[in-house]
Protein backbone atom coordinates (compact mmCIF):
# COMPACT_ATOMS: atom_id res chain seq x y z
CA MET A 1 8.53 -22.18 -14.03
CA SER A 2 10.71 -21.77 -10.92
CA ARG A 3 12.91 -19.35 -12.90
CA GLN A 4 9.82 -17.26 -13.72
CA VAL A 5 8.78 -17.25 -10.05
CA GLU A 6 12.26 -16.14 -8.99
CA SER A 7 12.25 -13.41 -11.64
CA ASN A 8 8.84 -12.14 -10.48
CA ILE A 9 9.97 -12.09 -6.85
CA SER A 10 13.05 -10.06 -7.87
CA LYS A 11 10.79 -7.54 -9.65
CA LEU A 12 8.50 -7.22 -6.63
CA LEU A 13 11.48 -6.82 -4.28
CA ASP A 14 12.59 -3.94 -6.52
CA GLY A 15 9.13 -2.35 -6.13
CA LEU A 16 8.27 -3.05 -9.77
CA GLY A 17 4.97 -4.30 -11.16
CA LEU A 18 4.11 -7.64 -12.74
CA GLU A 19 2.66 -7.40 -16.23
CA GLY A 20 0.74 -9.89 -18.34
CA ASP A 21 -1.04 -13.08 -17.35
CA GLU A 22 0.02 -12.76 -13.72
CA ASN A 23 -2.67 -10.10 -13.31
CA ASP A 24 -5.54 -12.14 -14.73
CA PHE A 25 -5.67 -14.65 -11.89
CA CYS A 26 -7.76 -14.20 -8.78
CA ASP A 27 -7.95 -17.07 -6.32
CA PHE A 28 -10.55 -15.61 -3.98
CA THR A 29 -13.00 -13.30 -5.73
CA ILE A 30 -15.78 -11.34 -4.04
CA ALA A 31 -18.16 -13.96 -5.47
CA ASP A 32 -16.11 -16.66 -3.67
CA GLN A 33 -16.10 -14.58 -0.47
CA ASN A 34 -19.87 -14.16 -0.71
CA SER A 35 -20.33 -17.93 -1.14
CA VAL A 36 -18.28 -18.58 2.00
CA ALA A 37 -20.31 -15.98 3.94
CA GLU A 38 -23.62 -17.50 2.77
CA SER A 39 -22.49 -20.99 3.80
CA GLN A 40 -21.96 -19.53 7.29
CA GLY A 41 -25.44 -18.01 7.32
CA ILE A 42 -24.20 -14.46 6.70
CA THR A 43 -25.89 -12.28 4.06
CA PRO A 44 -23.20 -10.54 1.94
CA THR A 45 -23.47 -6.78 1.45
CA THR A 46 -21.19 -6.49 -1.60
CA PRO A 47 -22.45 -7.56 -5.05
CA SER A 48 -20.42 -10.45 -6.49
CA ASN A 49 -19.68 -8.46 -9.66
CA PHE A 50 -18.37 -5.42 -7.73
CA LYS A 51 -16.01 -3.26 -9.76
CA PRO A 52 -14.22 -0.21 -8.34
CA VAL A 53 -15.26 3.12 -9.88
CA LEU A 54 -13.27 6.13 -8.70
CA GLY A 55 -15.44 8.78 -7.08
CA GLU A 56 -18.45 6.47 -6.88
CA ASN A 57 -17.67 3.41 -4.79
CA VAL A 58 -13.94 3.85 -4.05
CA THR A 59 -11.91 6.87 -2.94
CA TYR A 60 -8.19 7.24 -3.58
CA VAL A 61 -6.44 10.03 -1.71
CA VAL A 62 -2.84 11.27 -1.93
CA ALA A 63 -0.80 13.09 0.71
CA CYS A 64 2.76 14.36 0.51
CA VAL A 65 5.32 14.92 3.27
CA ILE A 66 8.02 17.41 2.24
CA ILE A 67 10.79 18.24 4.70
CA ASN A 68 13.44 20.86 3.89
CA GLU A 69 17.09 21.08 4.92
CA SER A 70 16.10 22.90 8.13
CA ASN A 71 13.86 19.95 9.12
CA GLU A 72 10.74 22.06 8.54
CA VAL A 73 7.56 20.47 7.15
CA LEU A 74 5.60 22.00 4.27
CA MET A 75 2.07 22.55 5.60
CA MET A 76 -1.06 24.17 4.20
CA GLN A 77 -3.88 26.05 5.92
CA GLU A 78 -7.33 24.70 5.11
CA ALA A 79 -9.92 26.80 3.28
CA LYS A 80 -12.78 24.27 3.53
CA GLU A 81 -15.62 25.50 5.75
CA SER A 82 -15.55 22.36 7.92
CA CYS A 83 -11.92 22.93 8.98
CA ALA A 84 -11.05 26.48 7.84
CA GLY A 85 -7.89 27.90 9.39
CA LYS A 86 -6.54 24.53 10.55
CA TRP A 87 -3.33 23.07 9.17
CA TYR A 88 -2.61 19.83 7.33
CA LEU A 89 -0.25 18.16 4.90
CA PRO A 90 -0.95 18.90 1.22
CA ALA A 91 -3.45 16.17 0.38
CA GLY A 92 -6.57 15.49 -1.65
CA ARG A 93 -8.58 13.10 -3.75
CA MET A 94 -7.27 11.63 -6.96
CA GLU A 95 -9.20 12.55 -10.08
CA LYS A 96 -10.17 10.36 -13.04
CA GLY A 97 -7.30 9.79 -15.43
CA GLU A 98 -4.58 10.71 -12.90
CA THR A 99 -1.72 8.58 -11.70
CA ILE A 100 -0.87 8.63 -7.99
CA VAL A 101 2.23 10.71 -8.79
CA GLN A 102 0.34 13.22 -10.98
CA ALA A 103 -2.30 13.68 -8.28
CA THR A 104 0.41 14.28 -5.67
CA ILE A 105 2.19 16.92 -7.79
CA ARG A 106 -1.13 18.66 -8.51
CA GLU A 107 -2.29 18.74 -4.88
CA VAL A 108 1.05 20.11 -3.62
CA LEU A 109 1.01 22.84 -6.28
CA GLU A 110 -2.65 23.80 -5.72
CA GLU A 111 -2.39 23.92 -1.94
CA THR A 112 1.13 25.28 -1.36
CA GLY A 113 2.26 26.98 -4.59
CA MET A 114 5.31 24.68 -4.75
CA HIS A 115 6.36 22.31 -7.53
CA CYS A 116 7.52 18.98 -6.13
CA ILE A 117 8.98 15.70 -7.31
CA PRO A 118 7.65 12.68 -5.40
CA LYS A 119 10.51 10.42 -4.30
CA THR A 120 9.04 7.34 -2.64
CA LEU A 121 5.92 5.82 -1.15
CA LEU A 122 6.01 6.19 2.61
CA ALA A 123 2.75 4.41 3.52
CA VAL A 124 -0.57 3.20 2.19
CA GLU A 125 -3.51 3.71 4.53
CA THR A 126 -6.87 1.98 4.17
CA ALA A 127 -10.27 2.32 5.77
CA GLY A 128 -12.58 -0.54 4.89
CA GLY A 129 -11.77 -1.74 1.40
CA MET A 130 -12.98 1.37 -0.38
CA TRP A 131 -10.80 4.24 0.96
CA PHE A 132 -7.07 4.30 0.24
CA ARG A 133 -4.56 7.05 1.00
CA PHE A 134 -1.18 6.93 -0.74
CA VAL A 135 1.38 8.88 1.29
CA LEU A 136 4.52 9.95 -0.55
CA ILE A 137 7.69 11.79 0.36
CA GLY A 138 8.66 14.54 -2.06
CA ASN A 139 11.23 17.26 -2.71
CA VAL A 140 10.43 20.85 -3.71
CA VAL A 141 12.10 21.90 -6.99
CA SER A 142 10.58 25.37 -7.57
CA GLY A 143 7.59 27.61 -6.89
CA GLN A 144 6.50 30.31 -4.47
CA LEU A 145 4.86 29.65 -1.12
CA LYS A 146 1.18 30.54 -1.21
CA THR A 147 0.49 33.65 0.89
CA PRO A 148 -2.87 34.84 2.32
CA ALA A 149 -3.05 37.22 -0.66
CA ASN A 150 -3.29 34.15 -2.94
CA ALA A 151 -5.90 32.32 -0.82
CA ASP A 152 -8.45 30.34 -2.81
CA LYS A 153 -10.79 27.38 -2.35
CA GLU A 154 -7.80 24.98 -2.24
CA SER A 155 -6.06 26.61 0.77
CA LEU A 156 -5.59 29.88 2.64
CA GLN A 157 -1.77 29.79 2.67
CA ALA A 158 1.24 27.49 3.07
CA LYS A 159 4.24 27.62 5.40
CA TRP A 160 7.35 25.72 6.36
CA ILE A 161 6.69 24.67 9.96
CA SER A 162 9.40 23.63 12.40
CA ASN A 163 7.23 23.20 15.51
CA LEU A 164 3.87 21.55 14.90
CA GLN A 165 2.79 22.48 18.45
CA GLU A 166 2.48 26.08 17.27
CA ILE A 167 -0.34 25.37 14.81
CA THR A 168 -3.79 23.81 15.11
CA LEU A 169 -3.95 20.63 13.05
CA ARG A 170 -7.05 19.52 11.17
CA SER A 171 -6.32 16.02 12.49
CA ASN A 172 -3.54 14.30 14.39
CA ASP A 173 -3.57 11.39 11.94
CA ILE A 174 -0.65 12.95 10.04
CA LEU A 175 1.71 13.15 13.02
CA HIS A 176 3.05 9.60 12.69
CA LEU A 177 3.52 10.16 8.93
CA ILE A 178 5.64 13.25 9.57
CA GLU A 179 7.69 11.39 12.19
CA LYS A 180 8.16 8.49 9.78
CA ALA A 181 9.29 10.87 7.01
CA LYS A 182 11.86 12.42 9.36
CA LEU A 183 13.18 8.94 10.21
CA TYR A 184 13.38 8.16 6.49
CA LYS A 185 15.40 11.33 5.94
CA GLN A 186 17.81 10.35 8.74
CA ASN A 187 18.19 6.67 7.87
CA HIS A 188 17.60 6.26 4.16
CA SER A 189 21.19 6.87 3.08
CA SER A 190 22.51 4.38 5.64
CA GLY A 191 20.57 1.56 3.98
CA SER A 192 18.40 0.86 7.04
CA TRP A 193 15.20 1.64 5.11
CA HIS A 194 13.44 0.26 2.06
CA LYS A 195 14.72 1.53 -1.26
CA ASP A 196 12.72 4.30 -2.92
CA ILE A 197 9.54 2.68 -4.25
CA MET A 198 7.11 4.41 -6.59
CA PRO A 199 3.71 3.14 -7.78
CA ALA A 200 4.10 0.82 -10.78
CA PRO A 201 1.98 1.70 -13.86
CA VAL A 202 0.12 -1.62 -14.21
CA LEU A 203 -3.55 -1.73 -15.20
CA HIS A 204 -6.06 -3.44 -12.88
CA SER A 205 -9.84 -3.38 -13.21
CA LYS A 206 -10.32 -4.77 -9.66
CA ASP A 207 -8.83 -3.91 -6.27
CA LEU A 208 -6.51 -6.81 -5.53
CA LEU A 209 -4.27 -8.09 -2.76
CA ARG A 210 -1.28 -10.17 -3.90
CA LEU A 211 0.42 -12.19 -1.18
CA ILE A 212 4.07 -13.10 -0.90
CA VAL A 213 3.78 -15.64 1.92
CA VAL A 214 7.11 -16.93 3.23
CA ILE A 215 7.98 -19.70 5.68
CA LYS A 216 11.10 -21.57 6.81
CA LYS A 217 11.46 -25.32 6.40
CA ARG A 218 12.84 -26.77 9.60
CA SER A 219 14.68 -29.72 8.01
CA THR A 220 16.70 -27.54 5.61
CA ASN A 221 16.45 -24.07 7.26
CA ARG A 222 15.59 -22.74 3.79
CA LEU A 223 12.97 -20.09 3.03
CA HIS A 224 9.98 -21.08 0.89
CA VAL A 225 7.32 -18.96 -0.85
CA LEU A 226 3.68 -19.90 -1.38
CA LEU A 227 2.39 -20.40 -4.93
CA SER A 228 -1.18 -20.86 -6.09
CA GLU A 229 -1.70 -23.72 -8.53
CA LYS A 230 -5.18 -22.69 -9.63
CA THR A 231 -5.26 -22.62 -13.46
CA SER A 232 -1.63 -21.48 -13.68
CA ILE A 233 1.18 -21.08 -11.14
CA HIS A 234 1.22 -17.58 -9.62
CA PHE A 235 1.41 -15.75 -6.31
CA PRO A 236 -1.91 -15.98 -4.40
CA MET A 237 -4.29 -13.13 -5.30
CA CYS A 238 -7.63 -12.12 -3.81
CA GLU A 239 -10.11 -9.32 -4.35
CA ILE A 240 -10.16 -6.63 -1.66
CA ASN A 241 -13.68 -6.63 -0.23
CA PRO A 242 -14.96 -3.03 -0.03
CA ALA A 243 -17.18 -3.92 2.95
CA LYS A 244 -14.32 -5.34 5.04
CA SER A 245 -11.02 -4.11 6.42
CA ILE A 246 -7.91 -5.35 4.59
CA HIS A 247 -7.01 -7.35 7.72
CA SER A 248 -10.38 -9.09 7.50
CA THR A 249 -9.93 -9.84 3.78
CA LEU A 250 -6.42 -11.18 4.47
CA ARG A 251 -7.67 -13.37 7.33
CA ARG A 252 -10.45 -14.88 5.19
CA PHE A 253 -8.03 -15.58 2.33
CA MET A 254 -5.49 -17.25 4.64
CA VAL A 255 -8.26 -19.45 6.09
CA GLU A 256 -9.25 -20.38 2.54
CA MET A 257 -5.69 -21.62 1.86
CA PHE A 258 -4.67 -22.98 5.27
CA GLY A 259 -7.91 -23.76 7.12
CA ALA A 260 -9.45 -22.21 10.23
CA ASP A 261 -6.45 -23.23 12.35
CA VAL A 262 -4.01 -21.28 10.17
CA GLY A 263 -0.66 -20.97 11.96
CA GLN A 264 0.63 -17.75 13.49
CA HIS A 265 1.61 -15.28 10.76
CA ARG A 266 1.96 -11.54 10.37
CA PRO A 267 1.72 -9.02 7.53
CA LEU A 268 5.02 -7.15 7.32
CA GLY A 269 4.23 -4.41 4.80
CA LEU A 270 3.95 -3.75 1.08
CA LEU A 271 6.54 -4.59 -1.56
CA ASN A 272 4.79 -2.59 -4.26
CA VAL A 273 1.64 -0.81 -5.40
CA GLU A 274 0.31 -1.22 -8.95
CA ALA A 275 -2.17 1.27 -10.41
CA ASP A 276 -2.82 2.84 -13.79
CA PRO A 277 -5.48 5.45 -14.61
CA GLY A 278 -6.66 3.37 -17.57
CA ALA A 279 -8.79 1.49 -15.00
CA ASP A 280 -9.90 2.24 -11.44
CA GLY A 281 -8.44 -0.85 -9.77
CA LEU A 282 -5.15 -1.38 -8.00
CA CYS A 283 -2.99 -4.17 -6.62
CA LEU A 284 -1.15 -4.17 -3.29
CA THR A 285 1.61 -6.76 -2.86
CA LEU A 286 1.79 -7.71 0.81
CA LEU A 287 4.63 -9.64 2.44
CA VAL A 288 3.37 -12.15 5.02
CA ALA A 289 5.66 -14.28 7.22
CA PHE A 290 4.78 -17.45 9.13
CA ARG A 291 6.25 -18.00 12.59
CA PRO A 292 5.93 -21.83 12.75
CA PRO A 293 7.98 -23.96 10.31
CA LEU A 294 6.63 -25.34 7.03
CA GLU A 295 6.31 -28.83 8.52
CA GLU A 296 3.67 -27.56 10.98
CA VAL A 297 1.52 -25.60 8.50
CA PRO A 298 -0.85 -27.81 6.47
CA LEU A 299 -2.21 -26.52 3.14
CA ILE A 300 -5.83 -27.15 2.18
CA GLY A 301 -6.12 -24.95 -0.92
CA LYS A 302 -4.63 -25.54 -4.38
CA CYS A 303 -1.25 -24.24 -3.26
CA ALA A 304 2.35 -25.39 -2.93
CA TRP A 305 5.56 -24.17 -1.33
CA GLN A 306 8.60 -23.39 -3.47
CA GLU A 307 12.13 -23.17 -2.10
CA LEU A 308 13.84 -19.87 -2.86
CA SER A 309 17.25 -19.29 -4.39
CA GLY A 310 20.13 -17.65 -2.55
CA GLU A 311 19.70 -14.01 -3.59
CA ASN A 312 15.91 -13.78 -3.19
CA GLU A 313 16.08 -15.80 0.03
CA ASN A 314 18.65 -13.40 1.51
CA ARG A 315 16.71 -10.32 0.42
CA LEU A 316 13.45 -11.63 1.89
CA LEU A 317 15.15 -12.68 5.14
CA SER A 318 16.51 -9.14 5.40
CA LEU A 319 13.02 -7.67 4.94
CA ILE A 320 11.60 -9.97 7.63
CA THR A 321 14.21 -8.96 10.21
CA THR A 322 14.68 -5.23 9.42
CA LYS A 323 12.29 -2.50 10.53
CA ASN A 324 11.00 -0.10 7.81
CA SER A 325 12.19 -2.47 5.07
CA THR A 326 8.75 -2.46 3.41
CA VAL A 327 6.15 0.25 2.71
CA GLU A 328 3.86 0.56 5.72
CA LEU A 329 0.29 -0.70 5.28
CA HIS A 330 -1.72 1.16 7.90
CA VAL A 331 -5.23 -0.25 8.34
CA VAL A 332 -7.28 2.56 9.87
CA ARG A 333 -10.37 0.36 10.22
């Protein structure tokens, strides 16, 4: 079993998905979360049998940052009445039956006239547990910039912009994404950035959070990873509650496994994203690191620590200590 765990960690560290039985387990369902809330005298607002349905109770959005050799950003001018004339990154809602990558290619083409190839996930942004924006970096491979003569309901025009101060943005929320993409462009080849990670085509009917929780054992100075022992050994998984922020869902899940006095820990970023248009769910794999040693962190759930082997231990230690070594998870609210 330890060999299987090590193999799965290697896959996740490579940004790949986990297929098969690993996806059937959920340690902390919305039904479980509702039971906990009720025991605390809180009336839950999410039905226990909640299932994500794209366009009805969850929204998935894509956005793409494309920077050319002159360090200019591909921007589009909005046609929508609410923000007409203002500028933004090519972005829009995913449609039924689309992968994240297909939606990104379509939105860039519709709004700018350019054909692009997405290269890597840059960030995943969430608002509550029902709005997700997948931000990718892409490269233009062909096409013609949309001019005002080609304006339509998707956009008025597109331009390569070198100075964002010269245009009026629809929202400043994209500024840090553009800065991050420029840093990626500068640092990616030097190895001081996560490898290119694309969404993995794995089917999920629920929105799930998979945790890779790591901790050091003081007596051996070795890194350990948390495993759930409910039904079958796997990485801890919980349902993302659509009525709560991801930070809130994470906090409740950690309390479930470690108790209310859970030691100091921090989410470091995503190792992968799994989604397939055959169902409307997704799975985010989040790396979480404890500050105190294993000896000071009691477990109350059906969980156990497993010591890691040399290669996976070294790779995880590198992720913990290096900035931009995981895909950013930006919790808007």
